[in-house]
Amino acid sequence: MSNTEDKRLSRRAALARIGTIAAAAYTIPAFTTMSMAHASSGASAPSAPSEPSAPSEPSAPSEPSAASTPSAASGPSGTGSSSDILTETGCSAAGGTWDPVNNVCVLP
């Protein structure tokens, strides 16, 4: 074997070196900027409050909106329950037509 073959890096070793270099290039700026920070002697005194401004003029009233249209009336609520129309007698009392084939009430 020659010396050039012994010094040849494996793929894993080359990728490990690239990863280490990339991690160092990513983190080094964060550490170098920390050294530029300066300590403070404390918080400064608050400044005096400013004078309030004068109120603005009121705006003109808006025009009234148009009246809404009336809603449609609902149907009669009735006094019986929906179970009353499950029989032929209840169906005819409700004004419906009994369908004996399907055993249902057909309401108008």
Protein backbone atom coordinates (compact mmCIF):
# COMPACT_ATOMS: atom_id res chain seq x y z
CA MET A 1 0.00 0.00 0.00
CA SER A 2 1.09 3.51 -0.66
CA ASN A 3 0.85 6.53 1.65
CA THR A 4 -1.88 8.16 -0.43
CA GLU A 5 -4.23 5.24 0.13
CA ASP A 6 -3.67 5.25 3.90
CA LYS A 7 -4.46 8.96 4.24
CA ARG A 8 -7.62 8.78 2.19
CA LEU A 9 -10.70 9.74 4.26
CA SER A 10 -13.71 7.56 4.42
CA ARG A 11 -17.05 9.06 3.48
CA ARG A 12 -18.20 9.05 7.12
CA ALA A 13 -15.11 10.84 8.31
CA ALA A 14 -15.45 13.49 5.60
CA LEU A 15 -19.11 14.09 6.45
CA ALA A 16 -18.24 14.31 10.16
CA ARG A 17 -15.64 16.98 9.44
CA ILE A 18 -18.06 18.95 7.27
CA GLY A 19 -20.70 18.76 10.01
CA THR A 20 -18.24 19.96 12.65
CA ILE A 21 -17.15 22.88 10.47
CA ALA A 22 -20.78 23.82 9.72
CA ALA A 23 -21.72 23.72 13.43
CA ALA A 24 -18.74 25.89 14.31
CA ALA A 25 -19.55 28.39 11.54
CA TYR A 26 -23.14 28.58 12.82
CA THR A 27 -22.35 29.07 16.52
CA ILE A 28 -19.17 31.20 16.52
CA PRO A 29 -20.98 34.49 15.63
CA ALA A 30 -23.27 34.04 18.66
CA PHE A 31 -20.28 33.78 21.01
CA THR A 32 -18.37 36.66 19.46
CA THR A 33 -21.32 39.08 19.72
CA MET A 34 -21.73 38.31 23.44
CA SER A 35 -18.32 39.78 24.11
CA MET A 36 -19.47 43.13 22.69
CA ALA A 37 -22.18 43.59 25.35
CA HIS A 38 -21.49 46.18 28.02
CA ALA A 39 -22.72 46.13 31.58
CA SER A 40 -25.04 48.90 32.70
CA SER A 41 -24.91 50.77 35.99
CA GLY A 42 -28.69 50.43 36.37
CA ALA A 43 -31.90 51.83 34.99
CA SER A 44 -32.10 55.51 34.21
CA ALA A 45 -34.61 57.80 35.91
CA PRO A 46 -38.03 58.03 34.25
CA SER A 47 -38.78 61.13 32.24
CA ALA A 48 -41.51 63.60 33.19
CA PRO A 49 -44.97 62.95 31.73
CA SER A 50 -46.06 65.11 28.82
CA GLU A 51 -49.13 67.37 28.86
CA PRO A 52 -52.36 65.86 27.49
CA SER A 53 -53.51 67.12 24.12
CA ALA A 54 -56.76 69.00 23.58
CA PRO A 55 -59.86 66.95 22.66
CA SER A 56 -60.72 66.72 18.99
CA GLU A 57 -63.92 68.12 17.50
CA PRO A 58 -66.91 65.73 17.42
CA SER A 59 -67.76 64.22 14.08
CA ALA A 60 -71.04 64.82 12.29
CA PRO A 61 -73.84 62.29 12.89
CA SER A 62 -74.33 59.63 10.25
CA GLU A 63 -77.46 59.27 8.16
CA PRO A 64 -80.09 56.79 9.41
CA SER A 65 -80.19 53.47 7.63
CA ALA A 66 -83.18 52.23 5.66
CA ALA A 67 -85.84 50.18 7.39
CA SER A 68 -85.51 46.42 7.12
CA THR A 69 -88.09 44.34 5.32
CA PRO A 70 -90.55 42.34 7.41
CA SER A 71 -89.90 38.64 7.85
CA ALA A 72 -92.24 35.97 6.52
CA ALA A 73 -94.85 34.61 8.88
CA SER A 74 -94.38 31.12 10.21
CA GLY A 75 -96.97 28.38 9.84
CA PRO A 76 -99.44 27.39 12.53
CA SER A 77 -97.91 25.59 15.47
CA GLY A 78 -100.93 23.34 16.15
CA THR A 79 -101.94 21.78 19.41
CA GLY A 80 -101.11 18.14 18.72
CA SER A 81 -97.74 16.46 18.68
CA SER A 82 -96.03 14.88 15.69
CA SER A 83 -96.80 11.43 17.07
CA ASP A 84 -100.53 12.07 16.40
CA ILE A 85 -100.00 11.69 12.65
CA LEU A 86 -98.49 8.21 13.00
CA THR A 87 -101.95 6.67 12.79
CA GLU A 88 -104.53 6.87 10.05
CA THR A 89 -106.99 8.67 12.37
CA GLY A 90 -104.38 11.21 13.47
CA CYS A 91 -103.35 11.78 9.86
CA SER A 92 -106.87 12.59 8.70
CA ALA A 93 -107.36 14.83 11.77
CA ALA A 94 -104.22 16.74 10.78
CA GLY A 95 -105.59 17.22 7.25
CA GLY A 96 -103.28 14.69 5.62
CA THR A 97 -103.76 11.68 3.41
CA TRP A 98 -102.84 8.25 4.75
CA ASP A 99 -100.61 6.13 2.47
CA PRO A 100 -101.45 2.48 3.36
CA VAL A 101 -98.64 1.05 1.21
CA ASN A 102 -95.84 2.88 3.06
CA ASN A 103 -97.77 3.43 6.32
CA VAL A 104 -97.04 7.17 6.33
CA CYS A 105 -99.12 10.33 6.51
CA VAL A 106 -98.74 12.67 3.56
CA LEU A 107 -99.41 16.21 4.71
CA PRO A 108 -100.31 18.97 2.25
